């Protein structure tokens, strides 16, 4: 049985040093942080065996609050730092947390090739459809027709589908959840960390301040209800007519494949090189 949130907070958070947090009231990042530490508790991992690396943005503050080995890296480079840590210390559980802009704009090539190599890392990508911390600019996941500070008359670009991109690039575990479906979220993160290979959990999260106010969803409850109304399970999606899915997105596990991962293959090469 999982411990209560008060107990988990004292066990896993730097609550006496780093709080109150910097996130806006109602931000979905708090829900994600709660799901993350519940997943760690389910896995019974030692805190010293976990590394959490983040890039820049609202999501980049998460390592500040957790009592693990943590790094706050540069914009778009969380996966490169995580790769080096995992290669140097393969026994560690290395996890990255990134925003949609951080992971798929400046960090886009790193993300694609981490999936292609099937690195033994877990990538938690918080998709709030906007650059939240840096001023509300359009990101690679801002929907077509949405408004932002760089698309005041509406966005004319089409959004990346992060989870589907990860599947196509070769990640062995891919899932998508939302901050509305909080009970599902920690289970998805738990399964991602258990997977031996590149694991991606895309989390649809609300930024009602930068995205919502410009797009008729100015409060967190409205955005949470939007996630509820537009998310469909994978099974539901396969049975729905294609024209009814144009404004929907799929949640749950989208890929779960047992395949060789880069870290294991690299270790074999090192052993062969030493023998020679």
C-alpha atoms as a PDB file:
ATOM      1  CA  UNK A   1       0.000   0.000   0.000  1.00  0.00           C
ATOM      2  CA  UNK A   2       1.376   3.378  -0.990  1.00  0.00           C
ATOM      3  CA  UNK A   3       2.056   5.881   1.787  1.00  0.00           C
ATOM      4  CA  UNK A   4       0.010   9.066   2.193  1.00  0.00           C
ATOM      5  CA  UNK A   5       1.107  12.234   0.417  1.00  0.00           C
ATOM      6  CA  UNK A   6       2.157  13.916   3.667  1.00  0.00           C
ATOM      7  CA  UNK A   7       4.528  11.046   4.421  1.00  0.00           C
ATOM      8  CA  UNK A   8       5.825  10.987   0.840  1.00  0.00           C
ATOM      9  CA  UNK A   9       6.348  14.739   0.902  1.00  0.00           C
ATOM     10  CA  UNK A  10       8.621  14.471   3.919  1.00  0.00           C
ATOM     11  CA  UNK A  11      10.393  11.455   2.472  1.00  0.00           C
ATOM     12  CA  UNK A  12      11.127  12.689  -1.037  1.00  0.00           C
ATOM     13  CA  UNK A  13      10.898  16.502  -1.140  1.00  0.00           C
ATOM     14  CA  UNK A  14      13.292  19.195   0.029  1.00  0.00           C
ATOM     15  CA  UNK A  15      10.290  20.771   1.685  1.00  0.00           C
ATOM     16  CA  UNK A  16      12.160  22.545   4.462  1.00  0.00           C
ATOM     17  CA  UNK A  17      14.589  24.310   2.111  1.00  0.00           C
ATOM     18  CA  UNK A  18      12.985  24.955  -1.253  1.00  0.00           C
ATOM     19  CA  UNK A  19       9.298  25.634  -0.666  1.00  0.00           C
ATOM     20  CA  UNK A  20       7.080  27.521  -1.384  1.00  0.00           C
ATOM     21  CA  UNK A  21       7.477  26.629  -5.064  1.00  0.00           C
ATOM     22  CA  UNK A  22       7.627  29.089  -7.953  1.00  0.00           C
ATOM     23  CA  UNK A  23       4.789  27.606 -10.062  1.00  0.00           C
ATOM     24  CA  UNK A  24       1.590  29.543 -10.641  1.00  0.00           C
ATOM     25  CA  UNK A  25      -1.477  28.641  -8.584  1.00  0.00           C
ATOM     26  CA  UNK A  26      -3.243  25.719 -10.233  1.00  0.00           C
ATOM     27  CA  UNK A  27      -0.250  24.731 -12.397  1.00  0.00           C
ATOM     28  CA  UNK A  28      -0.285  21.082 -13.456  1.00  0.00           C
ATOM     29  CA  UNK A  29       3.379  20.667 -12.516  1.00  0.00           C
ATOM     30  CA  UNK A  30       2.354  20.043  -8.904  1.00  0.00           C
ATOM     31  CA  UNK A  31       0.135  17.137  -9.968  1.00  0.00           C
ATOM     32  CA  UNK A  32       3.017  15.721 -12.014  1.00  0.00           C
ATOM     33  CA  UNK A  33       5.432  16.066  -9.103  1.00  0.00           C
ATOM     34  CA  UNK A  34       3.000  14.156  -6.900  1.00  0.00           C
ATOM     35  CA  UNK A  35       2.621  11.403  -9.511  1.00  0.00           C
ATOM     36  CA  UNK A  36       6.394  11.175  -9.867  1.00  0.00           C
ATOM     37  CA  UNK A  37       7.106  10.623  -6.177  1.00  0.00           C
ATOM     38  CA  UNK A  38       4.233   8.127  -5.916  1.00  0.00           C
ATOM     39  CA  UNK A  39       5.833   6.180  -8.768  1.00  0.00           C
ATOM     40  CA  UNK A  40       9.190   6.215  -6.989  1.00  0.00           C
ATOM     41  CA  UNK A  41       7.527   4.954  -3.811  1.00  0.00           C
ATOM     42  CA  UNK A  42       5.881   2.092  -5.723  1.00  0.00           C
ATOM     43  CA  UNK A  43       9.239   1.110  -7.199  1.00  0.00           C
ATOM     44  CA  UNK A  44      10.950   1.175  -3.769  1.00  0.00           C
ATOM     45  CA  UNK A  45      14.023   2.828  -5.252  1.00  0.00           C
ATOM     46  CA  UNK A  46      16.757   4.272  -3.069  1.00  0.00           C
ATOM     47  CA  UNK A  47      17.041   8.028  -3.372  1.00  0.00           C
ATOM     48  CA  UNK A  48      20.791   7.803  -3.975  1.00  0.00           C
ATOM     49  CA  UNK A  49      20.150   5.545  -6.997  1.00  0.00           C
ATOM     50  CA  UNK A  50      18.015   8.155  -8.804  1.00  0.00           C
ATOM     51  CA  UNK A  51      19.184  11.038 -10.976  1.00  0.00           C
ATOM     52  CA  UNK A  52      16.697  13.655 -12.176  1.00  0.00           C
ATOM     53  CA  UNK A  53      18.002  16.022 -14.856  1.00  0.00           C
ATOM     54  CA  UNK A  54      15.996  18.902 -16.301  1.00  0.00           C
ATOM     55  CA  UNK A  55      16.409  21.619 -18.875  1.00  0.00           C
ATOM     56  CA  UNK A  56      15.100  25.181 -18.777  1.00  0.00           C
ATOM     57  CA  UNK A  57      11.534  26.312 -18.190  1.00  0.00           C
ATOM     58  CA  UNK A  58       8.816  25.731 -15.611  1.00  0.00           C
ATOM     59  CA  UNK A  59       9.499  21.986 -15.683  1.00  0.00           C
ATOM     60  CA  UNK A  60      13.182  22.716 -15.069  1.00  0.00           C
ATOM     61  CA  UNK A  61      12.365  23.704 -11.496  1.00  0.00           C
ATOM     62  CA  UNK A  62      11.300  20.170 -10.556  1.00  0.00           C
ATOM     63  CA  UNK A  63      14.814  18.928  -9.627  1.00  0.00           C
ATOM     64  CA  UNK A  64      14.966  21.760  -7.101  1.00  0.00           C
ATOM     65  CA  UNK A  65      12.193  20.192  -5.050  1.00  0.00           C
ATOM     66  CA  UNK A  66      13.074  16.474  -4.980  1.00  0.00           C
ATOM     67  CA  UNK A  67      15.637  14.952  -2.638  1.00  0.00           C
ATOM     68  CA  UNK A  68      17.473  12.865  -5.256  1.00  0.00           C
ATOM     69  CA  UNK A  69      20.652  13.424  -7.244  1.00  0.00           C
ATOM     70  CA  UNK A  70      19.562  16.336  -9.422  1.00  0.00           C
ATOM     71  CA  UNK A  71      20.844  18.561 -12.203  1.00  0.00           C
ATOM     72  CA  UNK A  72      19.433  21.729 -13.715  1.00  0.00           C
ATOM     73  CA  UNK A  73      21.019  21.762 -17.165  1.00  0.00           C
ATOM     74  CA  UNK A  74      20.859  24.089 -20.161  1.00  0.00           C
ATOM     75  CA  UNK A  75      17.955  24.521 -22.568  1.00  0.00           C
ATOM     76  CA  UNK A  76      17.327  21.396 -24.649  1.00  0.00           C
ATOM     77  CA  UNK A  77      20.305  19.503 -23.278  1.00  0.00           C
ATOM     78  CA  UNK A  78      18.817  17.415 -20.463  1.00  0.00           C
ATOM     79  CA  UNK A  79      19.016  14.225 -22.532  1.00  0.00           C
ATOM     80  CA  UNK A  80      22.658  14.766 -23.466  1.00  0.00           C
ATOM     81  CA  UNK A  81      23.624  15.229 -19.816  1.00  0.00           C
ATOM     82  CA  UNK A  82      21.526  12.220 -18.834  1.00  0.00           C
ATOM     83  CA  UNK A  83      23.198  10.106 -21.519  1.00  0.00           C
ATOM     84  CA  UNK A  84      26.642  10.853 -20.104  1.00  0.00           C
ATOM     85  CA  UNK A  85      25.523  10.006 -16.570  1.00  0.00           C
ATOM     86  CA  UNK A  86      23.977   6.697 -17.644  1.00  0.00           C
ATOM     87  CA  UNK A  87      27.065   5.701 -19.639  1.00  0.00           C
ATOM     88  CA  UNK A  88      29.315   6.495 -16.681  1.00  0.00           C
ATOM     89  CA  UNK A  89      27.051   4.891 -14.043  1.00  0.00           C
ATOM     90  CA  UNK A  90      24.753   2.336 -15.733  1.00  0.00           C
ATOM     91  CA  UNK A  91      23.338   1.173 -12.389  1.00  0.00           C
ATOM     92  CA  UNK A  92      21.608   4.515 -11.765  1.00  0.00           C
ATOM     93  CA  UNK A  93      18.003   5.234 -12.666  1.00  0.00           C
ATOM     94  CA  UNK A  94      18.384   8.314 -14.847  1.00  0.00           C
ATOM     95  CA  UNK A  95      15.260  10.376 -15.513  1.00  0.00           C
ATOM     96  CA  UNK A  96      14.795  13.636 -17.379  1.00  0.00           C
ATOM     97  CA  UNK A  97      11.948  16.110 -17.096  1.00  0.00           C
ATOM     98  CA  UNK A  98      11.462  18.560 -19.949  1.00  0.00           C
ATOM     99  CA  UNK A  99       8.879  20.912 -21.361  1.00  0.00           C
ATOM    100  CA  UNK A 100       7.454  20.616 -24.868  1.00  0.00           C
ATOM    101  CA  UNK A 101       9.608  23.461 -26.188  1.00  0.00           C
ATOM    102  CA  UNK A 102      12.681  22.267 -24.300  1.00  0.00           C
ATOM    103  CA  UNK A 103      12.370  18.689 -25.603  1.00  0.00           C
ATOM    104  CA  UNK A 104      11.149  19.162 -29.168  1.00  0.00           C
ATOM    105  CA  UNK A 105      12.463  22.574 -30.296  1.00  0.00           C
ATOM    106  CA  UNK A 106      16.071  23.251 -29.269  1.00  0.00           C
ATOM    107  CA  UNK A 107      16.304  19.686 -27.943  1.00  0.00           C
ATOM    108  CA  UNK A 108      14.457  18.074 -30.837  1.00  0.00           C
ATOM    109  CA  UNK A 109      17.387  16.238 -32.435  1.00  0.00           C
ATOM    110  CA  UNK A 110      18.570  14.949 -29.062  1.00  0.00           C
ATOM    111  CA  UNK A 111      15.069  13.616 -28.410  1.00  0.00           C
ATOM    112  CA  UNK A 112      14.761  11.867 -31.775  1.00  0.00           C
ATOM    113  CA  UNK A 113      18.169  10.207 -31.557  1.00  0.00           C
ATOM    114  CA  UNK A 114      17.761   9.195 -27.921  1.00  0.00           C
ATOM    115  CA  UNK A 115      14.648   7.321 -29.061  1.00  0.00           C
ATOM    116  CA  UNK A 116      16.440   5.883 -32.101  1.00  0.00           C
ATOM    117  CA  UNK A 117      19.303   4.578 -29.956  1.00  0.00           C
ATOM    118  CA  UNK A 118      16.853   3.268 -27.352  1.00  0.00           C
ATOM    119  CA  UNK A 119      18.924   4.746 -24.540  1.00  0.00           C
ATOM    120  CA  UNK A 120      18.090   3.340 -21.110  1.00  0.00           C
ATOM    121  CA  UNK A 121      16.587   6.598 -19.842  1.00  0.00           C
ATOM    122  CA  UNK A 122      13.158   7.862 -18.858  1.00  0.00           C
ATOM    123  CA  UNK A 123      11.960  11.115 -20.418  1.00  0.00           C
ATOM    124  CA  UNK A 124       9.000  12.878 -18.793  1.00  0.00           C
ATOM    125  CA  UNK A 125       7.831  15.570 -21.211  1.00  0.00           C
ATOM    126  CA  UNK A 126       5.366  18.107 -19.848  1.00  0.00           C
ATOM    127  CA  UNK A 127       3.323  19.417 -22.757  1.00  0.00           C
ATOM    128  CA  UNK A 128       1.547  22.657 -21.883  1.00  0.00           C
ATOM    129  CA  UNK A 129       1.437  23.717 -25.548  1.00  0.00           C
ATOM    130  CA  UNK A 130       3.355  26.955 -24.971  1.00  0.00           C
ATOM    131  CA  UNK A 131       6.627  28.445 -23.728  1.00  0.00           C
ATOM    132  CA  UNK A 132       5.290  29.160 -20.262  1.00  0.00           C
ATOM    133  CA  UNK A 133       8.192  30.626 -18.305  1.00  0.00           C
ATOM    134  CA  UNK A 134       9.792  32.684 -21.063  1.00  0.00           C
ATOM    135  CA  UNK A 135       6.828  34.726 -22.234  1.00  0.00           C
ATOM    136  CA  UNK A 136       4.086  32.675 -23.862  1.00  0.00           C
ATOM    137  CA  UNK A 137       5.627  32.156 -27.301  1.00  0.00           C
ATOM    138  CA  UNK A 138       4.327  29.435 -29.602  1.00  0.00           C
ATOM    139  CA  UNK A 139       6.109  26.102 -29.172  1.00  0.00           C
ATOM    140  CA  UNK A 140       6.274  23.059 -31.473  1.00  0.00           C
ATOM    141  CA  UNK A 141       3.100  21.748 -29.786  1.00  0.00           C
ATOM    142  CA  UNK A 142       0.994  24.917 -29.903  1.00  0.00           C
ATOM    143  CA  UNK A 143      -2.165  23.901 -31.789  1.00  0.00           C
ATOM    144  CA  UNK A 144      -2.950  25.233 -35.230  1.00  0.00           C
ATOM    145  CA  UNK A 145      -5.144  28.308 -34.827  1.00  0.00           C
ATOM    146  CA  UNK A 146      -4.171  28.977 -31.189  1.00  0.00           C
ATOM    147  CA  UNK A 147      -2.947  32.345 -29.985  1.00  0.00           C
ATOM    148  CA  UNK A 148       0.381  33.081 -28.310  1.00  0.00           C
ATOM    149  CA  UNK A 149       2.671  36.085 -27.942  1.00  0.00           C
ATOM    150  CA  UNK A 150       4.306  35.145 -31.248  1.00  0.00           C
ATOM    151  CA  UNK A 151       1.060  34.247 -33.005  1.00  0.00           C
ATOM    152  CA  UNK A 152      -1.337  36.964 -31.917  1.00  0.00           C
ATOM    153  CA  UNK A 153      -3.555  36.476 -34.992  1.00  0.00           C
ATOM    154  CA  UNK A 154      -3.431  32.638 -34.617  1.00  0.00           C
ATOM    155  CA  UNK A 155      -0.763  30.003 -35.047  1.00  0.00           C
ATOM    156  CA  UNK A 156      -0.370  28.866 -38.675  1.00  0.00           C
ATOM    157  CA  UNK A 157       2.022  26.000 -37.881  1.00  0.00           C
ATOM    158  CA  UNK A 158       0.911  22.447 -37.147  1.00  0.00           C
ATOM    159  CA  UNK A 159       1.797  20.847 -33.829  1.00  0.00           C
ATOM    160  CA  UNK A 160       4.128  17.931 -33.177  1.00  0.00           C
ATOM    161  CA  UNK A 161       2.512  14.814 -31.741  1.00  0.00           C
ATOM    162  CA  UNK A 162       5.230  14.067 -29.204  1.00  0.00           C
ATOM    163  CA  UNK A 163       4.256  10.532 -28.215  1.00  0.00           C
ATOM    164  CA  UNK A 164       3.670   9.422 -31.811  1.00  0.00           C
ATOM    165  CA  UNK A 165       7.012  10.985 -32.795  1.00  0.00           C
ATOM    166  CA  UNK A 166       8.733   8.939 -30.070  1.00  0.00           C
ATOM    167  CA  UNK A 167       7.090   5.728 -31.313  1.00  0.00           C
ATOM    168  CA  UNK A 168       8.162   6.407 -34.901  1.00  0.00           C
ATOM    169  CA  UNK A 169      11.731   7.229 -33.803  1.00  0.00           C
ATOM    170  CA  UNK A 170      12.116   3.888 -32.006  1.00  0.00           C
ATOM    171  CA  UNK A 171      11.489   4.403 -28.282  1.00  0.00           C
ATOM    172  CA  UNK A 172      10.702   1.061 -26.641  1.00  0.00           C
ATOM    173  CA  UNK A 173       8.117   2.471 -24.192  1.00  0.00           C
ATOM    174  CA  UNK A 174       5.835   5.413 -24.944  1.00  0.00           C
ATOM    175  CA  UNK A 175       2.817   6.627 -23.020  1.00  0.00           C
ATOM    176  CA  UNK A 176       0.677   9.737 -22.779  1.00  0.00           C
ATOM    177  CA  UNK A 177      -1.324  10.974 -19.823  1.00  0.00           C
ATOM    178  CA  UNK A 178      -2.876  14.184 -18.561  1.00  0.00           C
ATOM    179  CA  UNK A 179      -2.941  16.025 -15.261  1.00  0.00           C
ATOM    180  CA  UNK A 180      -6.705  15.443 -15.164  1.00  0.00           C
ATOM    181  CA  UNK A 181      -6.169  11.664 -15.208  1.00  0.00           C
ATOM    182  CA  UNK A 182      -3.909  11.849 -12.155  1.00  0.00           C
ATOM    183  CA  UNK A 183      -4.633   8.327 -10.896  1.00  0.00           C
ATOM    184  CA  UNK A 184      -3.331   6.914 -14.176  1.00  0.00           C
ATOM    185  CA  UNK A 185      -0.280   9.144 -14.300  1.00  0.00           C
ATOM    186  CA  UNK A 186       1.866   7.635 -11.559  1.00  0.00           C
ATOM    187  CA  UNK A 187       1.269   4.151 -13.008  1.00  0.00           C
ATOM    188  CA  UNK A 188       2.497   5.294 -16.423  1.00  0.00           C
ATOM    189  CA  UNK A 189       5.609   6.854 -14.891  1.00  0.00           C
ATOM    190  CA  UNK A 190       6.243   3.702 -12.853  1.00  0.00           C
ATOM    191  CA  UNK A 191       6.069   1.503 -15.967  1.00  0.00           C
ATOM    192  CA  UNK A 192       8.326   3.891 -17.858  1.00  0.00           C
ATOM    193  CA  UNK A 193      11.037   3.741 -15.190  1.00  0.00           C
ATOM    194  CA  UNK A 194      10.791  -0.077 -15.062  1.00  0.00           C
ATOM    195  CA  UNK A 195      11.375  -0.345 -18.798  1.00  0.00           C
ATOM    196  CA  UNK A 196      14.926  -1.168 -19.912  1.00  0.00           C
ATOM    197  CA  UNK A 197      15.252   1.211 -22.828  1.00  0.00           C
ATOM    198  CA  UNK A 198      14.178   4.690 -23.840  1.00  0.00           C
ATOM    199  CA  UNK A 199      10.878   5.478 -22.125  1.00  0.00           C
ATOM    200  CA  UNK A 200       8.770   8.531 -22.896  1.00  0.00           C
ATOM    201  CA  UNK A 201       5.805   9.778 -20.898  1.00  0.00           C
ATOM    202  CA  UNK A 202       4.168  12.787 -22.500  1.00  0.00           C
ATOM    203  CA  UNK A 203       1.945  14.589 -20.005  1.00  0.00           C
ATOM    204  CA  UNK A 204      -0.662  17.062 -21.186  1.00  0.00           C
ATOM    205  CA  UNK A 205      -0.614  19.804 -18.568  1.00  0.00           C
ATOM    206  CA  UNK A 206      -2.323  23.139 -18.113  1.00  0.00           C
ATOM    207  CA  UNK A 207      -0.682  26.525 -18.453  1.00  0.00           C
ATOM    208  CA  UNK A 208      -3.780  28.607 -17.930  1.00  0.00           C
ATOM    209  CA  UNK A 209      -1.691  31.768 -17.447  1.00  0.00           C
ATOM    210  CA  UNK A 210       0.209  31.872 -20.746  1.00  0.00           C
ATOM    211  CA  UNK A 211      -1.855  29.532 -22.952  1.00  0.00           C
ATOM    212  CA  UNK A 212      -5.280  29.471 -21.340  1.00  0.00           C
ATOM    213  CA  UNK A 213      -5.846  33.212 -21.011  1.00  0.00           C
ATOM    214  CA  UNK A 214      -5.180  33.696 -24.713  1.00  0.00           C
ATOM    215  CA  UNK A 215      -7.354  30.778 -25.762  1.00  0.00           C
ATOM    216  CA  UNK A 216     -10.593  31.114 -23.751  1.00  0.00           C
ATOM    217  CA  UNK A 217      -9.427  28.840 -20.907  1.00  0.00           C
ATOM    218  CA  UNK A 218      -8.272  31.342 -18.313  1.00  0.00           C
ATOM    219  CA  UNK A 219      -8.482  29.097 -15.247  1.00  0.00           C
ATOM    220  CA  UNK A 220      -7.084  25.642 -14.386  1.00  0.00           C
ATOM    221  CA  UNK A 221     -10.487  23.957 -13.983  1.00  0.00           C
ATOM    222  CA  UNK A 222     -11.493  24.883 -17.535  1.00  0.00           C
ATOM    223  CA  UNK A 223      -8.255  23.457 -18.901  1.00  0.00           C
ATOM    224  CA  UNK A 224      -8.569  20.274 -16.839  1.00  0.00           C
ATOM    225  CA  UNK A 225     -12.076  19.783 -18.194  1.00  0.00           C
ATOM    226  CA  UNK A 226     -10.704  20.295 -21.712  1.00  0.00           C
ATOM    227  CA  UNK A 227      -8.276  17.406 -21.123  1.00  0.00           C
ATOM    228  CA  UNK A 228     -11.136  15.259 -19.841  1.00  0.00           C
ATOM    229  CA  UNK A 229     -13.287  16.012 -22.880  1.00  0.00           C
ATOM    230  CA  UNK A 230     -10.558  15.580 -25.523  1.00  0.00           C
ATOM    231  CA  UNK A 231      -8.634  12.547 -24.233  1.00  0.00           C
ATOM    232  CA  UNK A 232      -9.558   9.063 -25.414  1.00  0.00           C
ATOM    233  CA  UNK A 233      -8.035   5.738 -24.437  1.00  0.00           C
ATOM    234  CA  UNK A 234      -6.092   3.800 -27.040  1.00  0.00           C
ATOM    235  CA  UNK A 235      -8.845   1.190 -27.260  1.00  0.00           C
ATOM    236  CA  UNK A 236     -11.525   3.857 -27.669  1.00  0.00           C
ATOM    237  CA  UNK A 237      -9.503   5.567 -30.385  1.00  0.00           C
ATOM    238  CA  UNK A 238      -9.204   2.446 -32.524  1.00  0.00           C
ATOM    239  CA  UNK A 239     -12.987   2.000 -32.571  1.00  0.00           C
ATOM    240  CA  UNK A 240     -13.886   5.626 -33.315  1.00  0.00           C
ATOM    241  CA  UNK A 241     -14.355   6.932 -36.887  1.00  0.00           C
ATOM    242  CA  UNK A 242     -11.310   8.954 -38.056  1.00  0.00           C
ATOM    243  CA  UNK A 243     -13.284  12.178 -38.518  1.00  0.00           C
ATOM    244  CA  UNK A 244     -14.323  12.146 -34.854  1.00  0.00           C
ATOM    245  CA  UNK A 245     -10.672  12.073 -33.705  1.00  0.00           C
ATOM    246  CA  UNK A 246      -9.458  15.272 -35.348  1.00  0.00           C
ATOM    247  CA  UNK A 247      -9.573  17.289 -32.084  1.00  0.00           C
ATOM    248  CA  UNK A 248      -8.849  14.366 -29.738  1.00  0.00           C
ATOM    249  CA  UNK A 249      -5.633  12.792 -28.429  1.00  0.00           C
ATOM    250  CA  UNK A 250      -4.892   9.281 -27.205  1.00  0.00           C
ATOM    251  CA  UNK A 251      -3.850   8.506 -23.626  1.00  0.00           C
ATOM    252  CA  UNK A 252      -2.396   5.352 -22.119  1.00  0.00           C
ATOM    253  CA  UNK A 253       0.451   3.132 -23.319  1.00  0.00           C
ATOM    254  CA  UNK A 254       1.155   3.628 -27.039  1.00  0.00           C
ATOM    255  CA  UNK A 255       4.262   1.409 -27.333  1.00  0.00           C
ATOM    256  CA  UNK A 256       5.810  -1.246 -25.110  1.00  0.00           C
ATOM    257  CA  UNK A 257       8.457  -3.324 -26.882  1.00  0.00           C
ATOM    258  CA  UNK A 258      11.315  -5.414 -25.520  1.00  0.00           C
ATOM    259  CA  UNK A 259      14.363  -4.527 -27.635  1.00  0.00           C
ATOM    260  CA  UNK A 260      18.135  -4.117 -27.109  1.00  0.00           C
ATOM    261  CA  UNK A 261      19.048  -0.791 -25.565  1.00  0.00           C
ATOM    262  CA  UNK A 262      22.104   1.336 -26.226  1.00  0.00           C
ATOM    263  CA  UNK A 263      23.581   1.126 -22.731  1.00  0.00           C
ATOM    264  CA  UNK A 264      23.626  -2.692 -22.736  1.00  0.00           C
ATOM    265  CA  UNK A 265      25.073  -2.838 -26.253  1.00  0.00           C
ATOM    266  CA  UNK A 266      27.718  -0.232 -25.381  1.00  0.00           C
ATOM    267  CA  UNK A 267      28.767  -2.295 -22.349  1.00  0.00           C
ATOM    268  CA  UNK A 268      29.281  -5.315 -24.610  1.00  0.00           C
ATOM    269  CA  UNK A 269      31.488  -3.264 -26.934  1.00  0.00           C
ATOM    270  CA  UNK A 270      33.577  -2.076 -23.979  1.00  0.00           C
ATOM    271  CA  UNK A 271      34.120  -5.657 -22.820  1.00  0.00           C
ATOM    272  CA  UNK A 272      35.145  -6.734 -26.318  1.00  0.00           C
ATOM    273  CA  UNK A 273      37.538  -3.792 -26.618  1.00  0.00           C
ATOM    274  CA  UNK A 274      39.184  -4.673 -23.289  1.00  0.00           C
ATOM    275  CA  UNK A 275      39.772  -8.268 -24.414  1.00  0.00           C
ATOM    276  CA  UNK A 276      41.553  -7.001 -27.502  1.00  0.00           C
END
